[in-house]
Amino acid sequence: MKKTILVLAVAVMVFGTMSVAFADASWGPAAIFAGEKGISEADAYELKVEKDMTFGELAKEEGVYEAFQTAALAGKQSMIAKMVDAGEISEEEASSI
């Protein structure tokens, strides 16, 4: 029971940290979508609000989902590697993420 609670607490902390990092990351969903479409992030956010869709849904609709998904995964992997290098999480925790 203690181990389950500990793992859950670590996961909440890691994902909480990741969501804050994604919001301001140059490889975050808005930046990736904007880059794939050749528009500004501000325009990407406008489109997101106008269509009431996620950036992933927009990427599918616009035919750039595969590139969007590849870039998003690479960004997440990079961030997790940096967290391991900084000693914020262990290799084992990184593997489970």
N, C-alpha and C. Protein backbone atom coordinates (compact mmCIF):
# COMPACT_ATOMS: atom_id res chain seq x y z
N MET A 1 0.82 -1.19 0.00
CA MET A 1 0.00 0.00 0.00
C MET A 1 0.87 1.26 0.00
N LYS A 2 1.92 1.26 0.85
CA LYS A 2 2.81 2.42 0.91
C LYS A 2 3.50 2.64 -0.43
N LYS A 3 3.91 1.55 -1.07
CA LYS A 3 4.60 1.65 -2.35
C LYS A 3 3.67 2.24 -3.41
N THR A 4 2.42 1.84 -3.40
CA THR A 4 1.44 2.36 -4.37
C THR A 4 1.24 3.85 -4.16
N ILE A 5 1.13 4.27 -2.94
CA ILE A 5 0.94 5.70 -2.63
C ILE A 5 2.17 6.49 -3.05
N LEU A 6 3.35 5.94 -2.77
CA LEU A 6 4.59 6.62 -3.15
C LEU A 6 4.70 6.77 -4.67
N VAL A 7 4.41 5.70 -5.40
CA VAL A 7 4.47 5.75 -6.86
C VAL A 7 3.45 6.76 -7.39
N LEU A 8 2.26 6.76 -6.84
CA LEU A 8 1.23 7.70 -7.25
C LEU A 8 1.66 9.14 -6.97
N ALA A 9 2.25 9.39 -5.81
CA ALA A 9 2.71 10.74 -5.46
C ALA A 9 3.81 11.21 -6.41
N VAL A 10 4.74 10.33 -6.73
CA VAL A 10 5.82 10.68 -7.66
C VAL A 10 5.24 10.97 -9.04
N ALA A 11 4.31 10.15 -9.48
CA ALA A 11 3.70 10.37 -10.80
C ALA A 11 2.98 11.70 -10.86
N VAL A 12 2.25 12.05 -9.81
CA VAL A 12 1.55 13.33 -9.77
C VAL A 12 2.55 14.48 -9.83
N MET A 13 3.64 14.38 -9.08
CA MET A 13 4.65 15.44 -9.09
C MET A 13 5.30 15.56 -10.46
N VAL A 14 5.65 14.44 -11.06
CA VAL A 14 6.32 14.46 -12.37
C VAL A 14 5.40 15.04 -13.43
N PHE A 15 4.17 14.56 -13.48
CA PHE A 15 3.25 15.05 -14.50
C PHE A 15 2.85 16.50 -14.24
N GLY A 16 2.79 16.89 -12.99
CA GLY A 16 2.52 18.30 -12.67
C GLY A 16 3.64 19.19 -13.17
N THR A 17 4.86 18.75 -12.96
CA THR A 17 6.02 19.49 -13.45
C THR A 17 6.03 19.52 -14.96
N MET A 18 5.68 18.41 -15.58
CA MET A 18 5.68 18.33 -17.04
C MET A 18 4.64 19.26 -17.65
N SER A 19 3.46 19.35 -17.04
CA SER A 19 2.41 20.19 -17.63
C SER A 19 2.82 21.66 -17.59
N VAL A 20 3.48 22.08 -16.52
CA VAL A 20 3.96 23.46 -16.45
C VAL A 20 5.04 23.68 -17.49
N ALA A 21 5.93 22.72 -17.65
CA ALA A 21 7.00 22.85 -18.63
C ALA A 21 6.44 22.89 -20.06
N PHE A 22 5.43 22.08 -20.34
CA PHE A 22 4.85 22.05 -21.68
C PHE A 22 4.20 23.36 -22.03
N ALA A 23 3.61 24.01 -21.06
CA ALA A 23 2.89 25.26 -21.33
C ALA A 23 3.83 26.33 -21.86
N ASP A 24 5.09 26.30 -21.44
CA ASP A 24 6.02 27.35 -21.82
C ASP A 24 7.15 26.85 -22.72
N ALA A 25 7.02 25.63 -23.19
CA ALA A 25 8.12 25.03 -23.96
C ALA A 25 8.05 25.42 -25.43
N SER A 26 9.22 25.60 -26.01
CA SER A 26 9.27 25.90 -27.44
C SER A 26 8.87 24.67 -28.25
N TRP A 27 8.82 23.52 -27.63
CA TRP A 27 8.39 22.30 -28.30
C TRP A 27 7.03 21.85 -27.78
N GLY A 28 6.30 22.77 -27.13
CA GLY A 28 4.96 22.45 -26.65
C GLY A 28 3.98 22.32 -27.80
N PRO A 29 2.78 21.87 -27.52
CA PRO A 29 1.79 21.62 -28.57
C PRO A 29 1.52 22.83 -29.46
N ALA A 30 1.40 24.01 -28.88
CA ALA A 30 1.12 25.21 -29.69
C ALA A 30 2.29 25.49 -30.63
N ALA A 31 3.50 25.42 -30.11
CA ALA A 31 4.69 25.69 -30.94
C ALA A 31 4.84 24.65 -32.04
N ILE A 32 4.59 23.40 -31.72
CA ILE A 32 4.73 22.34 -32.71
C ILE A 32 3.70 22.53 -33.82
N PHE A 33 2.44 22.73 -33.43
CA PHE A 33 1.39 22.91 -34.44
C PHE A 33 1.68 24.14 -35.30
N ALA A 34 2.04 25.23 -34.65
CA ALA A 34 2.33 26.47 -35.39
C ALA A 34 3.48 26.25 -36.37
N GLY A 35 4.52 25.56 -35.93
CA GLY A 35 5.66 25.29 -36.80
C GLY A 35 5.29 24.42 -38.00
N GLU A 36 4.48 23.41 -37.75
CA GLU A 36 4.07 22.52 -38.84
C GLU A 36 3.18 23.24 -39.85
N LYS A 37 2.38 24.19 -39.38
CA LYS A 37 1.48 24.92 -40.27
C LYS A 37 2.09 26.20 -40.82
N GLY A 38 3.25 26.60 -40.28
CA GLY A 38 3.89 27.83 -40.74
C GLY A 38 3.15 29.08 -40.31
N ILE A 39 2.57 29.03 -39.11
CA ILE A 39 1.85 30.18 -38.56
C ILE A 39 2.45 30.55 -37.21
N SER A 40 2.05 31.67 -36.66
CA SER A 40 2.55 32.06 -35.34
C SER A 40 1.80 31.28 -34.26
N GLU A 41 2.40 31.23 -33.06
CA GLU A 41 1.72 30.56 -31.95
C GLU A 41 0.42 31.29 -31.61
N ALA A 42 0.43 32.61 -31.72
CA ALA A 42 -0.79 33.38 -31.46
C ALA A 42 -1.90 32.96 -32.41
N ASP A 43 -1.55 32.78 -33.69
CA ASP A 43 -2.54 32.33 -34.68
C ASP A 43 -3.00 30.90 -34.36
N ALA A 44 -2.08 30.07 -33.89
CA ALA A 44 -2.44 28.70 -33.53
C ALA A 44 -3.44 28.71 -32.38
N TYR A 45 -3.19 29.55 -31.37
CA TYR A 45 -4.13 29.64 -30.25
C TYR A 45 -5.48 30.18 -30.70
N GLU A 46 -5.47 31.14 -31.59
CA GLU A 46 -6.74 31.68 -32.12
C GLU A 46 -7.54 30.58 -32.80
N LEU A 47 -6.86 29.78 -33.61
CA LEU A 47 -7.52 28.69 -34.32
C LEU A 47 -8.06 27.66 -33.33
N LYS A 48 -7.28 27.38 -32.30
CA LYS A 48 -7.69 26.42 -31.27
C LYS A 48 -8.97 26.87 -30.60
N VAL A 49 -9.03 28.15 -30.24
CA VAL A 49 -10.21 28.68 -29.57
C VAL A 49 -11.39 28.74 -30.54
N GLU A 50 -11.13 29.20 -31.74
CA GLU A 50 -12.18 29.33 -32.76
C GLU A 50 -12.86 27.99 -33.05
N LYS A 51 -12.05 26.94 -33.16
CA LYS A 51 -12.58 25.62 -33.51
C LYS A 51 -12.90 24.77 -32.29
N ASP A 52 -12.50 25.25 -31.10
CA ASP A 52 -12.72 24.51 -29.85
C ASP A 52 -12.17 23.08 -29.95
N MET A 53 -10.92 23.01 -30.37
CA MET A 53 -10.24 21.73 -30.54
C MET A 53 -8.88 21.77 -29.84
N THR A 54 -8.34 20.59 -29.54
CA THR A 54 -6.98 20.53 -29.02
C THR A 54 -6.02 20.70 -30.19
N PHE A 55 -4.74 20.94 -29.88
CA PHE A 55 -3.76 21.06 -30.96
C PHE A 55 -3.60 19.74 -31.70
N GLY A 56 -3.73 18.63 -30.99
CA GLY A 56 -3.68 17.32 -31.65
C GLY A 56 -4.84 17.14 -32.63
N GLU A 57 -6.03 17.54 -32.20
CA GLU A 57 -7.18 17.45 -33.10
C GLU A 57 -7.01 18.36 -34.32
N LEU A 58 -6.47 19.54 -34.08
CA LEU A 58 -6.21 20.46 -35.19
C LEU A 58 -5.18 19.86 -36.15
N ALA A 59 -4.15 19.24 -35.58
CA ALA A 59 -3.10 18.63 -36.42
C ALA A 59 -3.69 17.53 -37.29
N LYS A 60 -4.60 16.73 -36.72
CA LYS A 60 -5.26 15.69 -37.52
C LYS A 60 -6.07 16.32 -38.64
N GLU A 61 -6.84 17.32 -38.28
CA GLU A 61 -7.70 17.98 -39.27
C GLU A 61 -6.87 18.62 -40.40
N GLU A 62 -5.71 19.15 -40.04
CA GLU A 62 -4.86 19.85 -41.01
C GLU A 62 -3.86 18.93 -41.73
N GLY A 63 -3.87 17.64 -41.39
CA GLY A 63 -3.01 16.69 -42.08
C GLY A 63 -1.55 16.70 -41.65
N VAL A 64 -1.27 17.20 -40.44
CA VAL A 64 0.12 17.22 -39.95
C VAL A 64 0.29 16.44 -38.65
N TYR A 65 -0.65 15.52 -38.40
CA TYR A 65 -0.65 14.83 -37.11
C TYR A 65 0.60 13.98 -36.88
N GLU A 66 1.06 13.26 -37.90
CA GLU A 66 2.23 12.40 -37.71
C GLU A 66 3.46 13.21 -37.30
N ALA A 67 3.70 14.31 -37.97
CA ALA A 67 4.83 15.18 -37.62
C ALA A 67 4.63 15.80 -36.24
N PHE A 68 3.40 16.21 -35.95
CA PHE A 68 3.05 16.78 -34.65
C PHE A 68 3.34 15.77 -33.55
N GLN A 69 2.87 14.55 -33.73
CA GLN A 69 3.05 13.50 -32.74
C GLN A 69 4.53 13.16 -32.53
N THR A 70 5.28 13.08 -33.61
CA THR A 70 6.71 12.77 -33.53
C THR A 70 7.46 13.87 -32.76
N ALA A 71 7.15 15.13 -33.07
CA ALA A 71 7.82 16.25 -32.40
C ALA A 71 7.44 16.31 -30.92
N ALA A 72 6.18 16.05 -30.61
CA ALA A 72 5.73 16.08 -29.21
C ALA A 72 6.41 14.98 -28.40
N LEU A 73 6.51 13.80 -28.96
CA LEU A 73 7.18 12.69 -28.26
C LEU A 73 8.66 13.00 -28.04
N ALA A 74 9.32 13.54 -29.05
CA ALA A 74 10.73 13.89 -28.92
C ALA A 74 10.93 14.94 -27.82
N GLY A 75 10.05 15.91 -27.75
CA GLY A 75 10.14 16.93 -26.71
C GLY A 75 9.97 16.37 -25.32
N LYS A 76 9.00 15.46 -25.17
CA LYS A 76 8.77 14.84 -23.87
C LYS A 76 9.95 13.98 -23.46
N GLN A 77 10.49 13.23 -24.41
CA GLN A 77 11.65 12.39 -24.11
C GLN A 77 12.85 13.24 -23.70
N SER A 78 13.01 14.36 -24.36
CA SER A 78 14.11 15.28 -24.02
C SER A 78 13.94 15.83 -22.61
N MET A 79 12.72 16.24 -22.28
CA MET A 79 12.47 16.78 -20.96
C MET A 79 12.71 15.73 -19.87
N ILE A 80 12.26 14.51 -20.10
CA ILE A 80 12.46 13.45 -19.13
C ILE A 80 13.95 13.16 -18.96
N ALA A 81 14.70 13.16 -20.05
CA ALA A 81 16.15 12.94 -19.97
C ALA A 81 16.82 14.04 -19.15
N LYS A 82 16.38 15.28 -19.35
CA LYS A 82 16.94 16.39 -18.57
C LYS A 82 16.61 16.25 -17.09
N MET A 83 15.42 15.75 -16.78
CA MET A 83 15.04 15.54 -15.38
C MET A 83 15.92 14.47 -14.74
N VAL A 84 16.25 13.43 -15.50
CA VAL A 84 17.14 12.37 -15.00
C VAL A 84 18.53 12.96 -14.77
N ASP A 85 19.02 13.70 -15.75
CA ASP A 85 20.35 14.31 -15.64
C ASP A 85 20.45 15.26 -14.44
N ALA A 86 19.36 15.96 -14.14
CA ALA A 86 19.35 16.90 -13.02
C ALA A 86 19.11 16.20 -11.68
N GLY A 87 18.86 14.90 -11.72
CA GLY A 87 18.63 14.15 -10.49
C GLY A 87 17.23 14.32 -9.93
N GLU A 88 16.32 14.86 -10.72
CA GLU A 88 14.94 15.06 -10.27
C GLU A 88 14.14 13.78 -10.24
N ILE A 89 14.47 12.87 -11.15
CA ILE A 89 13.85 11.54 -11.17
C ILE A 89 14.92 10.52 -11.48
N SER A 90 14.64 9.25 -11.14
CA SER A 90 15.60 8.19 -11.41
C SER A 90 15.39 7.63 -12.82
N GLU A 91 16.35 6.83 -13.28
CA GLU A 91 16.23 6.16 -14.56
C GLU A 91 14.99 5.25 -14.55
N GLU A 92 14.78 4.60 -13.42
CA GLU A 92 13.63 3.71 -13.30
C GLU A 92 12.31 4.49 -13.45
N GLU A 93 12.24 5.64 -12.80
CA GLU A 93 11.04 6.47 -12.92
C GLU A 93 10.87 6.96 -14.36
N ALA A 94 11.96 7.33 -15.00
CA ALA A 94 11.91 7.78 -16.39
C ALA A 94 11.41 6.66 -17.28
N SER A 95 11.87 5.46 -17.06
CA SER A 95 11.43 4.32 -17.87
C SER A 95 9.95 4.04 -17.70
N SER A 96 9.46 4.22 -16.48
CA SER A 96 8.03 3.95 -16.25
C SER A 96 7.15 5.03 -16.86
N ILE A 97 7.68 6.23 -17.00
CA ILE A 97 6.91 7.32 -17.62
C ILE A 97 6.81 7.05 -19.10
